[in-house]
Amino acid sequence: MTLGRAFVTRRGPEPGARAVVPRGRRDTGRGRGVPAHRSESEAASAGESAAVSVLDGPGARILLTAAVDAMVEHGYHGTSVRDIAERAGMSPAALYHHFPSKQALLFTIMDRGMDDLVRRGEAAYAAAPDDPAEKLRALVRLHVIRHAEHQKESFLGNSELRSLDEPGRSTILAKRDRHMQQFYRVVQEGVERGQFRTPFPTETARGIVTMCTAVATWYRAAGPLPAEEIARRYADIALAMVGQRL
């Protein structure tokens, strides 16, 4: 992956880059470039950002969270290094002390998010009973709740993959494919065991993942249904899609 000089020239946002801004971010009334002044514990708090690691120093934690917020609001190309640094209450020089470029920030956000999704997905699959229907339920629940908990990173992962340089883009695509393989496998297993009747297992699995991923674009924490209930209903829908034999 190219980790060269940062993009410091502000360009207009790409079409659609600001079309969806998940709720859940704090409404402080700040515009772009106004320091967020997040504390270390605030930036690393549960659910704040999947990009933040307990191994990060306080500066890196604050910068990653600021980068997620800024890129979701303005798009990758509409966000400059100065925007991120000022939002984090730092100077651009301080940002470069932690990350070599804006591209490195984007890759770190996406890479850690995919690692978390793959790890949790494989754990959910392994922990479920040896039954395709139960394993599919577990995968759907994990995917829905993960995208509801981390809407901002999910939005970036789907809207800004095109902004990643190689080999970073290929790295993320490979991890996304690894996660998708779990859905392909469980639907195919169900068909082979005679539990699922869909004649199109690959397309059905892809449709289930697309449906679950889209939760990040409309879910509202203050909405009428909690994420757990949405996940339960989506699992029922997924089993209807695969034609589960009752």
Protein backbone atom coordinates (compact mmCIF):
# COMPACT_ATOMS: atom_id res chain seq x y z
CA MET A 1 0.00 0.00 0.00
CA THR A 2 1.20 3.49 -0.81
CA LEU A 3 1.91 5.43 2.34
CA GLY A 4 3.45 8.45 0.75
CA ARG A 5 2.84 12.12 1.26
CA ALA A 6 -0.56 13.03 2.65
CA PHE A 7 -3.26 14.70 0.62
CA VAL A 8 -3.33 18.21 2.04
CA THR A 9 -5.14 19.93 -0.82
CA ARG A 10 -8.85 20.08 -0.20
CA ARG A 11 -10.84 18.72 -3.10
CA GLY A 12 -14.56 18.61 -3.58
CA PRO A 13 -16.29 15.50 -2.20
CA GLU A 14 -16.97 12.66 -4.58
CA PRO A 15 -20.57 12.19 -5.73
CA GLY A 16 -22.61 10.54 -3.01
CA ALA A 17 -19.85 10.71 -0.43
CA ARG A 18 -22.08 12.70 1.94
CA ALA A 19 -25.40 11.13 1.06
CA VAL A 20 -25.66 9.09 4.26
CA VAL A 21 -24.41 10.25 7.62
CA PRO A 22 -25.27 7.71 10.31
CA ARG A 23 -26.62 9.12 13.48
CA GLY A 24 -25.03 8.45 16.80
CA ARG A 25 -22.24 11.02 16.47
CA ARG A 26 -22.32 13.77 19.00
CA ASP A 27 -24.03 16.93 17.80
CA THR A 28 -21.71 19.58 19.13
CA GLY A 29 -22.44 22.23 16.57
CA ARG A 30 -18.79 22.18 15.48
CA GLY A 31 -17.92 22.74 11.87
CA ARG A 32 -15.02 21.27 10.02
CA GLY A 33 -11.67 22.06 11.54
CA VAL A 34 -12.90 22.84 15.04
CA PRO A 35 -11.05 20.76 17.65
CA ALA A 36 -12.95 17.82 19.07
CA HIS A 37 -10.83 17.81 22.26
CA ARG A 38 -11.59 14.14 22.90
CA SER A 39 -9.98 12.51 25.86
CA GLU A 40 -8.09 9.24 25.53
CA SER A 41 -10.80 7.28 27.32
CA GLU A 42 -13.51 8.93 25.23
CA ALA A 43 -11.82 8.06 21.94
CA ALA A 44 -11.28 4.46 23.02
CA SER A 45 -14.66 3.88 24.63
CA ALA A 46 -16.70 0.84 23.60
CA GLY A 47 -18.51 1.40 20.32
CA GLU A 48 -16.75 4.71 19.66
CA SER A 49 -14.72 3.40 16.77
CA ALA A 50 -13.79 -0.07 15.60
CA ALA A 51 -10.59 1.48 14.28
CA VAL A 52 -9.31 2.25 17.78
CA SER A 53 -7.09 -0.37 19.37
CA VAL A 54 -6.16 -0.75 23.02
CA LEU A 55 -2.57 -0.89 21.78
CA ASP A 56 -2.76 2.61 20.33
CA GLY A 57 -1.32 5.54 22.17
CA PRO A 58 -3.70 8.33 23.19
CA GLY A 59 -2.75 10.52 20.23
CA ALA A 60 -3.39 7.81 17.66
CA ARG A 61 -6.74 6.97 19.28
CA ILE A 62 -7.93 10.53 19.11
CA LEU A 63 -6.74 10.94 15.51
CA LEU A 64 -8.44 7.75 14.33
CA THR A 65 -11.74 8.76 15.84
CA ALA A 66 -11.43 12.26 14.41
CA ALA A 67 -10.61 10.82 10.97
CA VAL A 68 -13.67 8.57 11.05
CA ASP A 69 -15.93 11.49 11.97
CA ALA A 70 -14.45 13.84 9.37
CA MET A 71 -14.43 11.35 6.49
CA VAL A 72 -18.01 10.27 7.15
CA GLU A 73 -19.16 13.88 7.15
CA HIS A 74 -17.14 15.18 4.20
CA GLY A 75 -15.90 12.15 2.27
CA TYR A 76 -12.29 11.06 1.97
CA HIS A 77 -11.39 13.52 -0.77
CA GLY A 78 -13.31 16.31 0.93
CA THR A 79 -11.28 15.91 4.11
CA SER A 80 -7.76 17.25 4.45
CA VAL A 81 -5.04 16.32 6.90
CA ARG A 82 -5.49 19.75 8.47
CA ASP A 83 -9.22 19.05 8.96
CA ILE A 84 -8.47 15.85 10.86
CA ALA A 85 -5.68 17.38 12.92
CA GLU A 86 -7.71 20.41 13.94
CA ARG A 87 -10.72 18.26 14.79
CA ALA A 88 -8.42 16.23 17.04
CA GLY A 89 -7.02 19.39 18.63
CA MET A 90 -3.58 18.82 17.10
CA SER A 91 -1.32 20.27 14.43
CA PRO A 92 -0.75 18.52 11.07
CA ALA A 93 2.82 17.91 12.18
CA ALA A 94 1.53 16.04 15.23
CA LEU A 95 -0.66 13.89 12.98
CA TYR A 96 2.34 12.90 10.88
CA HIS A 97 4.06 11.76 14.06
CA HIS A 98 1.42 8.99 14.31
CA PHE A 99 0.46 8.31 10.67
CA PRO A 100 2.51 8.93 7.51
CA SER A 101 -0.50 10.08 5.44
CA LYS A 102 -4.25 10.46 5.18
CA GLN A 103 -4.20 7.31 3.05
CA ALA A 104 -2.64 5.42 5.97
CA LEU A 105 -5.45 6.60 8.23
CA LEU A 106 -8.12 5.39 5.81
CA PHE A 107 -6.44 2.01 5.41
CA THR A 108 -6.05 1.58 9.18
CA ILE A 109 -9.74 2.35 9.72
CA MET A 110 -10.89 -0.13 7.07
CA ASP A 111 -8.34 -2.83 7.88
CA ARG A 112 -9.13 -2.92 11.58
CA GLY A 113 -12.84 -2.87 10.86
CA MET A 114 -12.59 -5.85 8.52
CA ASP A 115 -10.35 -7.76 10.93
CA ASP A 116 -12.96 -7.27 13.66
CA LEU A 117 -15.81 -8.38 11.39
CA VAL A 118 -13.97 -11.48 10.15
CA ARG A 119 -12.87 -12.48 13.65
CA ARG A 120 -16.34 -12.09 15.13
CA GLY A 121 -17.98 -13.80 12.18
CA GLU A 122 -15.75 -16.85 12.42
CA ALA A 123 -16.32 -17.03 16.17
CA ALA A 124 -20.10 -16.83 15.69
CA TYR A 125 -20.01 -19.60 13.08
CA ALA A 126 -17.88 -21.86 15.26
CA ALA A 127 -20.00 -21.32 18.38
CA ALA A 128 -23.33 -22.07 16.69
CA PRO A 129 -24.76 -25.63 16.74
CA ASP A 130 -23.95 -27.94 13.82
CA ASP A 131 -27.05 -26.91 11.95
CA PRO A 132 -27.03 -24.67 8.84
CA ALA A 133 -30.11 -22.75 9.98
CA GLU A 134 -28.59 -21.95 13.38
CA LYS A 135 -25.25 -21.03 11.85
CA LEU A 136 -26.96 -18.71 9.37
CA ARG A 137 -28.90 -17.12 12.22
CA ALA A 138 -25.65 -16.55 14.11
CA LEU A 139 -23.93 -14.97 11.10
CA VAL A 140 -26.87 -12.70 10.32
CA ARG A 141 -27.13 -11.59 13.93
CA LEU A 142 -23.43 -10.80 14.08
CA HIS A 143 -23.45 -8.92 10.77
CA VAL A 144 -26.51 -6.82 11.63
CA ILE A 145 -25.40 -5.89 15.15
CA ARG A 146 -21.84 -5.16 14.03
CA HIS A 147 -23.09 -2.73 11.37
CA ALA A 148 -25.51 -1.12 13.80
CA GLU A 149 -22.79 -0.67 16.43
CA HIS A 150 -20.22 0.72 13.99
CA GLN A 151 -22.24 2.64 11.42
CA LYS A 152 -19.54 5.16 10.62
CA GLU A 153 -16.85 2.61 9.81
CA SER A 154 -19.39 0.57 7.83
CA PHE A 155 -20.28 3.65 5.80
CA LEU A 156 -16.61 4.35 5.07
CA GLY A 157 -15.96 0.73 4.18
CA ASN A 158 -18.66 0.77 1.54
CA SER A 159 -18.32 4.31 0.19
CA GLU A 160 -14.57 4.89 0.26
CA LEU A 161 -13.07 1.57 -0.79
CA ARG A 162 -12.49 3.19 -4.19
CA SER A 163 -10.29 5.79 -2.47
CA LEU A 164 -7.78 3.19 -1.22
CA ASP A 165 -4.53 2.82 -3.14
CA GLU A 166 -3.13 -0.60 -4.02
CA PRO A 167 -2.23 -2.91 -2.48
CA GLY A 168 -4.46 -1.64 0.33
CA ARG A 169 -7.64 -2.01 -1.72
CA SER A 170 -6.85 -5.63 -2.57
CA THR A 171 -6.07 -6.37 1.07
CA ILE A 172 -9.49 -5.14 2.17
CA LEU A 173 -11.26 -6.94 -0.68
CA ALA A 174 -9.56 -10.20 0.30
CA LYS A 175 -10.77 -9.85 3.89
CA ARG A 176 -14.27 -8.97 2.71
CA ASP A 177 -14.28 -12.09 0.53
CA ARG A 178 -13.16 -14.18 3.50
CA HIS A 179 -16.14 -12.95 5.50
CA MET A 180 -18.50 -13.54 2.55
CA GLN A 181 -17.24 -17.13 2.25
CA GLN A 182 -18.83 -17.93 5.61
CA PHE A 183 -22.26 -17.05 4.22
CA TYR A 184 -21.65 -18.93 0.96
CA ARG A 185 -20.52 -21.98 2.92
CA VAL A 186 -23.43 -22.12 5.33
CA VAL A 187 -26.06 -21.65 2.61
CA GLN A 188 -24.42 -24.32 0.46
CA GLU A 189 -24.28 -26.66 3.46
CA GLY A 190 -27.98 -26.14 4.02
CA VAL A 191 -28.75 -26.93 0.38
CA GLU A 192 -26.59 -30.07 0.42
CA ARG A 193 -28.28 -31.32 3.58
CA GLY A 194 -31.72 -30.70 2.10
CA GLN A 195 -32.61 -28.04 4.68
CA PHE A 196 -32.54 -25.08 2.26
CA ARG A 197 -34.44 -25.15 -1.02
CA THR A 198 -33.00 -22.15 -2.83
CA PRO A 199 -31.84 -23.03 -6.37
CA PHE A 200 -29.41 -20.10 -6.25
CA PRO A 201 -27.29 -20.48 -3.08
CA THR A 202 -24.52 -18.07 -4.14
CA GLU A 203 -26.87 -15.27 -5.14
CA THR A 204 -29.04 -15.83 -2.08
CA ALA A 205 -26.05 -15.63 0.27
CA ARG A 206 -24.91 -12.43 -1.44
CA GLY A 207 -28.38 -10.95 -1.11
CA ILE A 208 -28.49 -11.76 2.61
CA VAL A 209 -25.17 -10.02 3.24
CA THR A 210 -26.23 -6.98 1.22
CA MET A 211 -29.46 -6.75 3.19
CA CYS A 212 -27.63 -6.94 6.52
CA THR A 213 -24.94 -4.47 5.52
CA ALA A 214 -27.57 -1.89 4.55
CA VAL A 215 -28.65 -1.68 8.20
CA ALA A 216 -25.80 0.78 8.70
CA THR A 217 -27.47 3.29 6.36
CA TRP A 218 -30.79 3.54 8.16
CA TYR A 219 -30.49 2.19 11.71
CA ARG A 220 -31.20 4.70 14.47
CA ALA A 221 -30.31 3.94 18.07
CA ALA A 222 -33.34 5.96 19.17
CA GLY A 223 -35.63 4.17 16.71
CA PRO A 224 -38.54 1.87 17.57
CA LEU A 225 -36.52 -1.36 17.40
CA PRO A 226 -33.26 -2.23 19.16
CA ALA A 227 -30.47 -3.77 17.11
CA GLU A 228 -31.05 -7.18 18.70
CA GLU A 229 -34.67 -7.27 17.52
CA ILE A 230 -33.72 -6.13 14.03
CA ALA A 231 -31.10 -8.89 13.93
CA ARG A 232 -33.69 -11.48 15.01
CA ARG A 233 -36.13 -10.40 12.32
CA TYR A 234 -33.43 -10.33 9.67
CA ALA A 235 -32.44 -13.87 10.61
CA ASP A 236 -36.05 -14.96 10.02
CA ILE A 237 -36.02 -13.15 6.66
CA ALA A 238 -32.71 -14.79 5.72
CA LEU A 239 -34.09 -18.25 6.45
CA ALA A 240 -37.13 -17.45 4.29
CA MET A 241 -34.76 -16.37 1.50
CA VAL A 242 -32.90 -19.67 1.53
CA GLY A 243 -36.18 -21.60 1.56
CA GLN A 244 -35.74 -23.31 4.91
CA ARG A 245 -37.79 -26.48 5.24
CA LEU A 246 -39.94 -26.24 8.35
